[in-house]
C-alpha atoms as a PDB file:
ATOM      1  CA  UNK A   1      -7.216   0.804  29.533  1.00  0.00           C
ATOM      2  CA  UNK A   2      -9.374   2.960  27.276  1.00  0.00           C
ATOM      3  CA  UNK A   3      -7.802   6.033  28.855  1.00  0.00           C
ATOM      4  CA  UNK A   4      -4.355   4.629  28.086  1.00  0.00           C
ATOM      5  CA  UNK A   5      -5.308   4.047  24.454  1.00  0.00           C
ATOM      6  CA  UNK A   6      -6.695   7.581  24.166  1.00  0.00           C
ATOM      7  CA  UNK A   7      -3.440   8.918  25.598  1.00  0.00           C
ATOM      8  CA  UNK A   8      -1.423   7.392  22.748  1.00  0.00           C
ATOM      9  CA  UNK A   9      -3.965   8.078  20.009  1.00  0.00           C
ATOM     10  CA  UNK A  10      -6.532  10.886  20.334  1.00  0.00           C
ATOM     11  CA  UNK A  11      -4.382  12.996  22.645  1.00  0.00           C
ATOM     12  CA  UNK A  12      -1.492  12.650  20.186  1.00  0.00           C
ATOM     13  CA  UNK A  13      -3.648  13.770  17.252  1.00  0.00           C
ATOM     14  CA  UNK A  14      -4.386  10.296  15.855  1.00  0.00           C
ATOM     15  CA  UNK A  15      -7.830   8.831  15.182  1.00  0.00           C
ATOM     16  CA  UNK A  16      -7.804   5.245  16.535  1.00  0.00           C
ATOM     17  CA  UNK A  17     -10.236   4.240  13.784  1.00  0.00           C
ATOM     18  CA  UNK A  18      -7.356   4.651  11.322  1.00  0.00           C
ATOM     19  CA  UNK A  19      -5.353   1.906  13.047  1.00  0.00           C
ATOM     20  CA  UNK A  20      -5.499  -1.730  14.056  1.00  0.00           C
ATOM     21  CA  UNK A  21      -5.377  -2.579  17.759  1.00  0.00           C
ATOM     22  CA  UNK A  22      -2.638  -5.012  18.846  1.00  0.00           C
ATOM     23  CA  UNK A  23      -3.253  -6.944  22.070  1.00  0.00           C
ATOM     24  CA  UNK A  24      -0.345  -8.350  24.036  1.00  0.00           C
ATOM     25  CA  UNK A  25       0.477  -9.345  27.579  1.00  0.00           C
ATOM     26  CA  UNK A  26      -1.261 -12.052  29.522  1.00  0.00           C
ATOM     27  CA  UNK A  27      -4.484 -10.077  30.052  1.00  0.00           C
ATOM     28  CA  UNK A  28      -4.554  -7.859  26.951  1.00  0.00           C
ATOM     29  CA  UNK A  29      -6.331 -10.355  24.655  1.00  0.00           C
ATOM     30  CA  UNK A  30      -9.045 -10.836  27.266  1.00  0.00           C
ATOM     31  CA  UNK A  31     -10.139  -7.187  26.945  1.00  0.00           C
ATOM     32  CA  UNK A  32      -9.039  -6.423  23.384  1.00  0.00           C
ATOM     33  CA  UNK A  33     -12.355  -7.149  21.632  1.00  0.00           C
ATOM     34  CA  UNK A  34     -14.196  -4.784  23.993  1.00  0.00           C
ATOM     35  CA  UNK A  35     -11.548  -2.098  23.500  1.00  0.00           C
ATOM     36  CA  UNK A  36     -11.903  -2.484  19.746  1.00  0.00           C
ATOM     37  CA  UNK A  37     -15.612  -1.697  20.128  1.00  0.00           C
ATOM     38  CA  UNK A  38     -14.864   1.353  22.278  1.00  0.00           C
ATOM     39  CA  UNK A  39     -12.154   2.769  20.002  1.00  0.00           C
ATOM     40  CA  UNK A  40     -13.414   1.621  16.599  1.00  0.00           C
ATOM     41  CA  UNK A  41      -9.935   0.214  15.845  1.00  0.00           C
ATOM     42  CA  UNK A  42     -10.177  -2.865  13.607  1.00  0.00           C
ATOM     43  CA  UNK A  43      -8.965  -5.451  13.228  1.00  0.00           C
ATOM     44  CA  UNK A  44      -7.948  -6.381  16.744  1.00  0.00           C
ATOM     45  CA  UNK A  45      -4.737  -8.387  16.302  1.00  0.00           C
ATOM     46  CA  UNK A  46      -3.707 -10.980  18.874  1.00  0.00           C
ATOM     47  CA  UNK A  47      -0.206 -12.250  17.975  1.00  0.00           C
ATOM     48  CA  UNK A  48       0.980 -15.727  18.882  1.00  0.00           C
ATOM     49  CA  UNK A  49       2.134 -16.107  22.507  1.00  0.00           C
ATOM     50  CA  UNK A  50       1.039 -12.574  23.454  1.00  0.00           C
ATOM     51  CA  UNK A  51       1.960 -13.119  27.097  1.00  0.00           C
ATOM     52  CA  UNK A  52       5.657 -13.395  26.228  1.00  0.00           C
ATOM     53  CA  UNK A  53       5.709 -10.886  23.359  1.00  0.00           C
ATOM     54  CA  UNK A  54       7.853  -8.414  25.319  1.00  0.00           C
ATOM     55  CA  UNK A  55      10.378 -11.146  26.124  1.00  0.00           C
ATOM     56  CA  UNK A  56      10.444 -12.181  22.463  1.00  0.00           C
ATOM     57  CA  UNK A  57      11.066  -8.587  21.421  1.00  0.00           C
ATOM     58  CA  UNK A  58      13.894  -8.276  23.921  1.00  0.00           C
ATOM     59  CA  UNK A  59      15.497 -11.482  22.653  1.00  0.00           C
ATOM     60  CA  UNK A  60      15.265 -10.530  18.980  1.00  0.00           C
ATOM     61  CA  UNK A  61      16.000  -6.803  19.022  1.00  0.00           C
ATOM     62  CA  UNK A  62      19.239  -5.321  17.727  1.00  0.00           C
ATOM     63  CA  UNK A  63      21.905  -3.897  20.010  1.00  0.00           C
ATOM     64  CA  UNK A  64      21.562  -0.143  20.277  1.00  0.00           C
ATOM     65  CA  UNK A  65      23.472   2.724  21.815  1.00  0.00           C
ATOM     66  CA  UNK A  66      22.331   6.331  22.155  1.00  0.00           C
ATOM     67  CA  UNK A  67      24.240   9.512  22.895  1.00  0.00           C
ATOM     68  CA  UNK A  68      22.519  12.821  23.664  1.00  0.00           C
ATOM     69  CA  UNK A  69      23.537  16.374  24.392  1.00  0.00           C
ATOM     70  CA  UNK A  70      21.673  19.475  25.559  1.00  0.00           C
ATOM     71  CA  UNK A  71      22.272  22.335  23.112  1.00  0.00           C
ATOM     72  CA  UNK A  72      19.764  25.152  23.856  1.00  0.00           C
ATOM     73  CA  UNK A  73      20.412  27.294  20.783  1.00  0.00           C
ATOM     74  CA  UNK A  74      17.975  29.331  18.748  1.00  0.00           C
ATOM     75  CA  UNK A  75      17.974  28.485  15.057  1.00  0.00           C
ATOM     76  CA  UNK A  76      18.990  32.081  14.335  1.00  0.00           C
ATOM     77  CA  UNK A  77      22.175  31.513  16.363  1.00  0.00           C
ATOM     78  CA  UNK A  78      22.928  28.087  14.875  1.00  0.00           C
ATOM     79  CA  UNK A  79      24.158  26.846  11.524  1.00  0.00           C
ATOM     80  CA  UNK A  80      23.483  23.570   9.815  1.00  0.00           C
ATOM     81  CA  UNK A  81      27.176  22.792   9.934  1.00  0.00           C
ATOM     82  CA  UNK A  82      27.292  23.252  13.707  1.00  0.00           C
ATOM     83  CA  UNK A  83      24.323  20.943  14.138  1.00  0.00           C
ATOM     84  CA  UNK A  84      25.924  18.354  11.859  1.00  0.00           C
ATOM     85  CA  UNK A  85      29.131  18.526  13.916  1.00  0.00           C
ATOM     86  CA  UNK A  86      27.246  17.921  17.175  1.00  0.00           C
ATOM     87  CA  UNK A  87      25.308  14.970  15.760  1.00  0.00           C
ATOM     88  CA  UNK A  88      28.410  13.436  14.186  1.00  0.00           C
ATOM     89  CA  UNK A  89      30.268  13.623  17.504  1.00  0.00           C
ATOM     90  CA  UNK A  90      27.331  11.935  19.249  1.00  0.00           C
ATOM     91  CA  UNK A  91      27.225   9.200  16.624  1.00  0.00           C
ATOM     92  CA  UNK A  92      30.958   8.576  17.069  1.00  0.00           C
ATOM     93  CA  UNK A  93      30.484   8.322  20.831  1.00  0.00           C
ATOM     94  CA  UNK A  94      27.583   5.880  20.543  1.00  0.00           C
ATOM     95  CA  UNK A  95      29.325   3.813  17.852  1.00  0.00           C
ATOM     96  CA  UNK A  96      32.379   3.372  20.062  1.00  0.00           C
ATOM     97  CA  UNK A  97      30.273   1.731  22.763  1.00  0.00           C
ATOM     98  CA  UNK A  98      28.794  -0.741  20.278  1.00  0.00           C
ATOM     99  CA  UNK A  99      32.206  -1.443  18.798  1.00  0.00           C
ATOM    100  CA  UNK A 100      33.361  -2.559  22.250  1.00  0.00           C
ATOM    101  CA  UNK A 101      30.639  -5.240  22.016  1.00  0.00           C
ATOM    102  CA  UNK A 102      31.778  -6.394  18.591  1.00  0.00           C
ATOM    103  CA  UNK A 103      29.115  -4.602  16.526  1.00  0.00           C
ATOM    104  CA  UNK A 104      30.498  -3.393  13.200  1.00  0.00           C
ATOM    105  CA  UNK A 105      28.975  -1.159  10.490  1.00  0.00           C
ATOM    106  CA  UNK A 106      25.949  -0.047  12.546  1.00  0.00           C
ATOM    107  CA  UNK A 107      23.166   2.146  11.195  1.00  0.00           C
ATOM    108  CA  UNK A 108      22.792   5.673  12.566  1.00  0.00           C
ATOM    109  CA  UNK A 109      19.681   7.814  13.016  1.00  0.00           C
ATOM    110  CA  UNK A 110      19.499  11.372  14.330  1.00  0.00           C
ATOM    111  CA  UNK A 111      16.807  13.175  16.291  1.00  0.00           C
ATOM    112  CA  UNK A 112      16.496  16.621  17.869  1.00  0.00           C
ATOM    113  CA  UNK A 113      14.055  18.123  20.358  1.00  0.00           C
ATOM    114  CA  UNK A 114      12.701  21.429  19.044  1.00  0.00           C
ATOM    115  CA  UNK A 115      10.386  24.079  20.477  1.00  0.00           C
ATOM    116  CA  UNK A 116       9.365  27.628  19.769  1.00  0.00           C
ATOM    117  CA  UNK A 117      11.614  30.045  21.633  1.00  0.00           C
ATOM    118  CA  UNK A 118       9.956  30.714  24.991  1.00  0.00           C
ATOM    119  CA  UNK A 119       7.968  27.471  25.113  1.00  0.00           C
ATOM    120  CA  UNK A 120       8.335  25.107  28.063  1.00  0.00           C
ATOM    121  CA  UNK A 121       8.053  21.863  26.112  1.00  0.00           C
ATOM    122  CA  UNK A 122       9.611  20.427  22.977  1.00  0.00           C
ATOM    123  CA  UNK A 123       8.742  17.967  20.195  1.00  0.00           C
ATOM    124  CA  UNK A 124      11.162  15.281  18.948  1.00  0.00           C
ATOM    125  CA  UNK A 125      11.902  15.638  15.222  1.00  0.00           C
ATOM    126  CA  UNK A 126      13.829  13.183  13.050  1.00  0.00           C
ATOM    127  CA  UNK A 127      16.857  14.504  11.131  1.00  0.00           C
ATOM    128  CA  UNK A 128      16.827  12.652   7.796  1.00  0.00           C
ATOM    129  CA  UNK A 129      20.191  13.944   6.548  1.00  0.00           C
ATOM    130  CA  UNK A 130      23.128  16.057   7.662  1.00  0.00           C
ATOM    131  CA  UNK A 131      23.899  17.226   4.122  1.00  0.00           C
ATOM    132  CA  UNK A 132      23.355  20.862   3.244  1.00  0.00           C
ATOM    133  CA  UNK A 133      21.500  22.991   5.772  1.00  0.00           C
ATOM    134  CA  UNK A 134      19.024  20.818   7.724  1.00  0.00           C
ATOM    135  CA  UNK A 135      17.666  23.662   9.873  1.00  0.00           C
ATOM    136  CA  UNK A 136      15.062  24.859   7.355  1.00  0.00           C
ATOM    137  CA  UNK A 137      13.736  21.324   6.919  1.00  0.00           C
ATOM    138  CA  UNK A 138      13.673  20.807  10.707  1.00  0.00           C
ATOM    139  CA  UNK A 139      11.735  24.037  11.180  1.00  0.00           C
ATOM    140  CA  UNK A 140       9.186  22.991   8.547  1.00  0.00           C
ATOM    141  CA  UNK A 141       8.834  19.496  10.028  1.00  0.00           C
ATOM    142  CA  UNK A 142       8.423  20.945  13.523  1.00  0.00           C
ATOM    143  CA  UNK A 143       5.749  23.385  12.331  1.00  0.00           C
ATOM    144  CA  UNK A 144       3.828  20.584  10.622  1.00  0.00           C
ATOM    145  CA  UNK A 145       3.957  18.370  13.723  1.00  0.00           C
ATOM    146  CA  UNK A 146       3.067  21.262  16.055  1.00  0.00           C
ATOM    147  CA  UNK A 147       0.043  22.145  13.930  1.00  0.00           C
ATOM    148  CA  UNK A 148      -1.034  18.495  13.813  1.00  0.00           C
ATOM    149  CA  UNK A 149      -0.789  18.167  17.583  1.00  0.00           C
ATOM    150  CA  UNK A 150      -2.101  21.552  18.692  1.00  0.00           C
ATOM    151  CA  UNK A 151      -3.805  23.111  15.623  1.00  0.00           C
ATOM    152  CA  UNK A 152      -1.811  26.354  15.724  1.00  0.00           C
ATOM    153  CA  UNK A 153       1.589  27.832  14.917  1.00  0.00           C
ATOM    154  CA  UNK A 154       3.661  30.609  16.459  1.00  0.00           C
ATOM    155  CA  UNK A 155       5.694  33.223  14.614  1.00  0.00           C
ATOM    156  CA  UNK A 156       8.631  33.081  17.005  1.00  0.00           C
ATOM    157  CA  UNK A 157      12.027  31.564  16.234  1.00  0.00           C
ATOM    158  CA  UNK A 158      12.649  27.852  16.705  1.00  0.00           C
ATOM    159  CA  UNK A 159      14.955  26.602  19.436  1.00  0.00           C
ATOM    160  CA  UNK A 160      17.014  23.428  19.543  1.00  0.00           C
ATOM    161  CA  UNK A 161      16.938  21.845  23.004  1.00  0.00           C
ATOM    162  CA  UNK A 162      18.505  18.375  22.737  1.00  0.00           C
ATOM    163  CA  UNK A 163      20.341  16.460  20.039  1.00  0.00           C
ATOM    164  CA  UNK A 164      20.540  12.649  19.863  1.00  0.00           C
ATOM    165  CA  UNK A 165      22.289  10.030  17.783  1.00  0.00           C
ATOM    166  CA  UNK A 166      21.082   6.427  17.919  1.00  0.00           C
ATOM    167  CA  UNK A 167      23.353   3.706  16.602  1.00  0.00           C
ATOM    168  CA  UNK A 168      21.915   0.229  15.946  1.00  0.00           C
ATOM    169  CA  UNK A 169      23.517  -3.060  15.043  1.00  0.00           C
ATOM    170  CA  UNK A 170      21.971  -5.686  12.738  1.00  0.00           C
ATOM    171  CA  UNK A 171      18.752  -7.289  13.860  1.00  0.00           C
ATOM    172  CA  UNK A 172      18.953 -11.002  14.714  1.00  0.00           C
ATOM    173  CA  UNK A 173      17.455 -13.243  12.059  1.00  0.00           C
ATOM    174  CA  UNK A 174      14.255 -14.903  13.276  1.00  0.00           C
ATOM    175  CA  UNK A 175      12.307 -17.269  11.060  1.00  0.00           C
ATOM    176  CA  UNK A 176       8.668 -16.343  10.506  1.00  0.00           C
ATOM    177  CA  UNK A 177       5.947 -18.770  11.560  1.00  0.00           C
ATOM    178  CA  UNK A 178       3.611 -20.042   8.843  1.00  0.00           C
ATOM    179  CA  UNK A 179       0.649 -22.180   9.865  1.00  0.00           C
ATOM    180  CA  UNK A 180      -0.673 -24.928   7.606  1.00  0.00           C
ATOM    181  CA  UNK A 181      -4.023 -24.280   5.932  1.00  0.00           C
ATOM    182  CA  UNK A 182      -7.221 -25.270   7.648  1.00  0.00           C
ATOM    183  CA  UNK A 183      -8.770 -28.576   6.674  1.00  0.00           C
ATOM    184  CA  UNK A 184     -12.180 -27.878   8.194  1.00  0.00           C
ATOM    185  CA  UNK A 185     -13.976 -25.951  10.934  1.00  0.00           C
ATOM    186  CA  UNK A 186     -12.033 -25.813  14.212  1.00  0.00           C
ATOM    187  CA  UNK A 187     -13.227 -28.139  16.951  1.00  0.00           C
ATOM    188  CA  UNK A 188     -13.916 -26.686  20.406  1.00  0.00           C
ATOM    189  CA  UNK A 189     -12.498 -28.469  23.423  1.00  0.00           C
ATOM    190  CA  UNK A 190     -15.201 -27.262  25.816  1.00  0.00           C
ATOM    191  CA  UNK A 191     -18.198 -24.979  26.323  1.00  0.00           C
ATOM    192  CA  UNK A 192     -18.278 -22.519  29.191  1.00  0.00           C
ATOM    193  CA  UNK A 193     -20.717 -19.786  30.283  1.00  0.00           C
ATOM    194  CA  UNK A 194     -19.391 -16.208  30.201  1.00  0.00           C
ATOM    195  CA  UNK A 195     -20.967 -12.981  31.457  1.00  0.00           C
ATOM    196  CA  UNK A 196     -21.428 -10.565  28.543  1.00  0.00           C
ATOM    197  CA  UNK A 197     -23.629  -7.485  28.241  1.00  0.00           C
ATOM    198  CA  UNK A 198     -25.438  -8.078  31.502  1.00  0.00           C
ATOM    199  CA  UNK A 199     -26.268 -11.711  30.875  1.00  0.00           C
ATOM    200  CA  UNK A 200     -24.793 -15.180  30.610  1.00  0.00           C
ATOM    201  CA  UNK A 201     -24.023 -16.806  27.251  1.00  0.00           C
ATOM    202  CA  UNK A 202     -22.370 -20.105  26.391  1.00  0.00           C
ATOM    203  CA  UNK A 203     -18.995 -19.737  24.718  1.00  0.00           C
ATOM    204  CA  UNK A 204     -17.077 -22.421  22.843  1.00  0.00           C
ATOM    205  CA  UNK A 205     -13.515 -22.891  24.123  1.00  0.00           C
ATOM    206  CA  UNK A 206     -10.699 -23.514  21.619  1.00  0.00           C
ATOM    207  CA  UNK A 207      -7.099 -24.596  22.108  1.00  0.00           C
ATOM    208  CA  UNK A 208      -4.991 -22.130  20.125  1.00  0.00           C
ATOM    209  CA  UNK A 209      -2.315 -24.700  19.360  1.00  0.00           C
ATOM    210  CA  UNK A 210      -4.829 -26.649  17.269  1.00  0.00           C
ATOM    211  CA  UNK A 211      -5.911 -23.715  15.085  1.00  0.00           C
ATOM    212  CA  UNK A 212      -4.842 -23.454  11.455  1.00  0.00           C
ATOM    213  CA  UNK A 213      -4.624 -20.683   8.868  1.00  0.00           C
ATOM    214  CA  UNK A 214      -8.064 -19.656   7.669  1.00  0.00           C
ATOM    215  CA  UNK A 215      -9.977 -20.981  10.676  1.00  0.00           C
ATOM    216  CA  UNK A 216     -12.819 -18.687  11.705  1.00  0.00           C
ATOM    217  CA  UNK A 217     -13.999 -18.615  15.307  1.00  0.00           C
ATOM    218  CA  UNK A 218     -17.371 -16.966  15.812  1.00  0.00           C
ATOM    219  CA  UNK A 219     -18.135 -15.281  19.102  1.00  0.00           C
ATOM    220  CA  UNK A 220     -18.941 -15.820  21.830  1.00  0.00           C
ATOM    221  CA  UNK A 221     -15.770 -17.867  22.099  1.00  0.00           C
ATOM    222  CA  UNK A 222     -12.689 -18.296  24.251  1.00  0.00           C
ATOM    223  CA  UNK A 223      -9.263 -19.123  22.832  1.00  0.00           C
ATOM    224  CA  UNK A 224      -6.873 -20.500  25.436  1.00  0.00           C
ATOM    225  CA  UNK A 225      -3.101 -20.918  25.331  1.00  0.00           C
ATOM    226  CA  UNK A 226      -0.266 -21.324  27.785  1.00  0.00           C
ATOM    227  CA  UNK A 227       0.342 -17.619  28.429  1.00  0.00           C
ATOM    228  CA  UNK A 228      -2.951 -15.854  27.675  1.00  0.00           C
ATOM    229  CA  UNK A 229      -6.701 -16.057  27.026  1.00  0.00           C
ATOM    230  CA  UNK A 230      -8.530 -14.372  24.154  1.00  0.00           C
ATOM    231  CA  UNK A 231     -12.232 -13.519  24.392  1.00  0.00           C
ATOM    232  CA  UNK A 232     -14.244 -13.146  21.179  1.00  0.00           C
ATOM    233  CA  UNK A 233     -17.491 -11.317  21.907  1.00  0.00           C
ATOM    234  CA  UNK A 234     -20.893 -12.008  20.339  1.00  0.00           C
ATOM    235  CA  UNK A 235     -21.272 -10.320  16.969  1.00  0.00           C
ATOM    236  CA  UNK A 236     -17.562 -10.725  16.245  1.00  0.00           C
ATOM    237  CA  UNK A 237     -15.318 -13.369  14.739  1.00  0.00           C
ATOM    238  CA  UNK A 238     -11.611 -14.199  14.900  1.00  0.00           C
ATOM    239  CA  UNK A 239      -9.855 -15.319  11.720  1.00  0.00           C
ATOM    240  CA  UNK A 240      -6.550 -17.157  12.022  1.00  0.00           C
ATOM    241  CA  UNK A 241      -3.847 -15.494   9.903  1.00  0.00           C
ATOM    242  CA  UNK A 242      -1.098 -17.673   8.357  1.00  0.00           C
ATOM    243  CA  UNK A 243       1.348 -15.980  10.770  1.00  0.00           C
ATOM    244  CA  UNK A 244      -0.633 -17.421  13.675  1.00  0.00           C
ATOM    245  CA  UNK A 245      -2.189 -14.098  14.688  1.00  0.00           C
ATOM    246  CA  UNK A 246      -5.898 -13.867  15.453  1.00  0.00           C
ATOM    247  CA  UNK A 247      -7.694 -11.077  13.567  1.00  0.00           C
ATOM    248  CA  UNK A 248     -10.893 -10.076  15.351  1.00  0.00           C
ATOM    249  CA  UNK A 249     -13.498  -8.090  13.396  1.00  0.00           C
ATOM    250  CA  UNK A 250     -17.199  -7.293  13.750  1.00  0.00           C
ATOM    251  CA  UNK A 251     -19.484  -9.640  11.854  1.00  0.00           C
ATOM    252  CA  UNK A 252     -21.539  -7.808   9.273  1.00  0.00           C
ATOM    253  CA  UNK A 253     -25.254  -8.329   9.748  1.00  0.00           C
END
C-alpha cells in the first residue's frame, strides 16, 4: 500500500506531506493511520461509509461522454485554428451521445497529450481555451509539467499525439450530512486487545453511528461500522468532523 501511495505522489513529483490522506474501501481505514505515519500525510480522513464510497460516487456522478482522436503533428506543422477545429469536432461528437440520453447544455473540457518530438511517452495537458492561438500556452504548460516531473527540458519541438474532448452533464444534487454537536465524551461499547508495535494494548471500541461532531477518540481505539473498521493508533486521536468524517492526527506531546 505504501508503494501504491508513492506511485501516485513521490513518483509523480508530489510530496505526500503536502496533502491529506483519504482512506476508503472496507480495509483502507484499518491501515490508514499507519500509512499516515509512513508518508507524513495529515490529517488522515476517513469519510462516512468508506466501504461503499465508490458506489456512492458512481450513483452521484454526472453523465459524461468523451471523444478522442490521434493527431501526431508537430507544433511547427500545426496551427491553433486546426487544433481548435479538431477539438470542436470531438466535442460535437461527444455532446451528441449525451443528447441521446436527454442531457442538455453540458459543460465541455479539452485535453491533449503532448511530448517532445522523438520521445516515446506523452503528458496530458489541459486546454483552457480555444480562443486565439493555444499552442504557445500548451507548449509552456507542457514544459512546466515536464520540468516538475523530470527536472529537465529539451530544446526540440513539441508534438501533439492525442486530442480529447470531455462533455459532462449536471451533477446530481446530493444533500450534505451534518452531524449534531457532541454533548459529552463518546462512550465506548467494548474494550478489545490489539497488537501494536510488537505488543498488546487494550483499545476502546466505538460505534461510529453514535459519534457526534466534535467528539475526540484517543488511540488506541477501534471505530466500527457496517462496512468498515477504523484503527486509531497510540499517540494519535480521531476528531469527528461535522460532515461525519474522522480526522486522524498525531497527538502533540
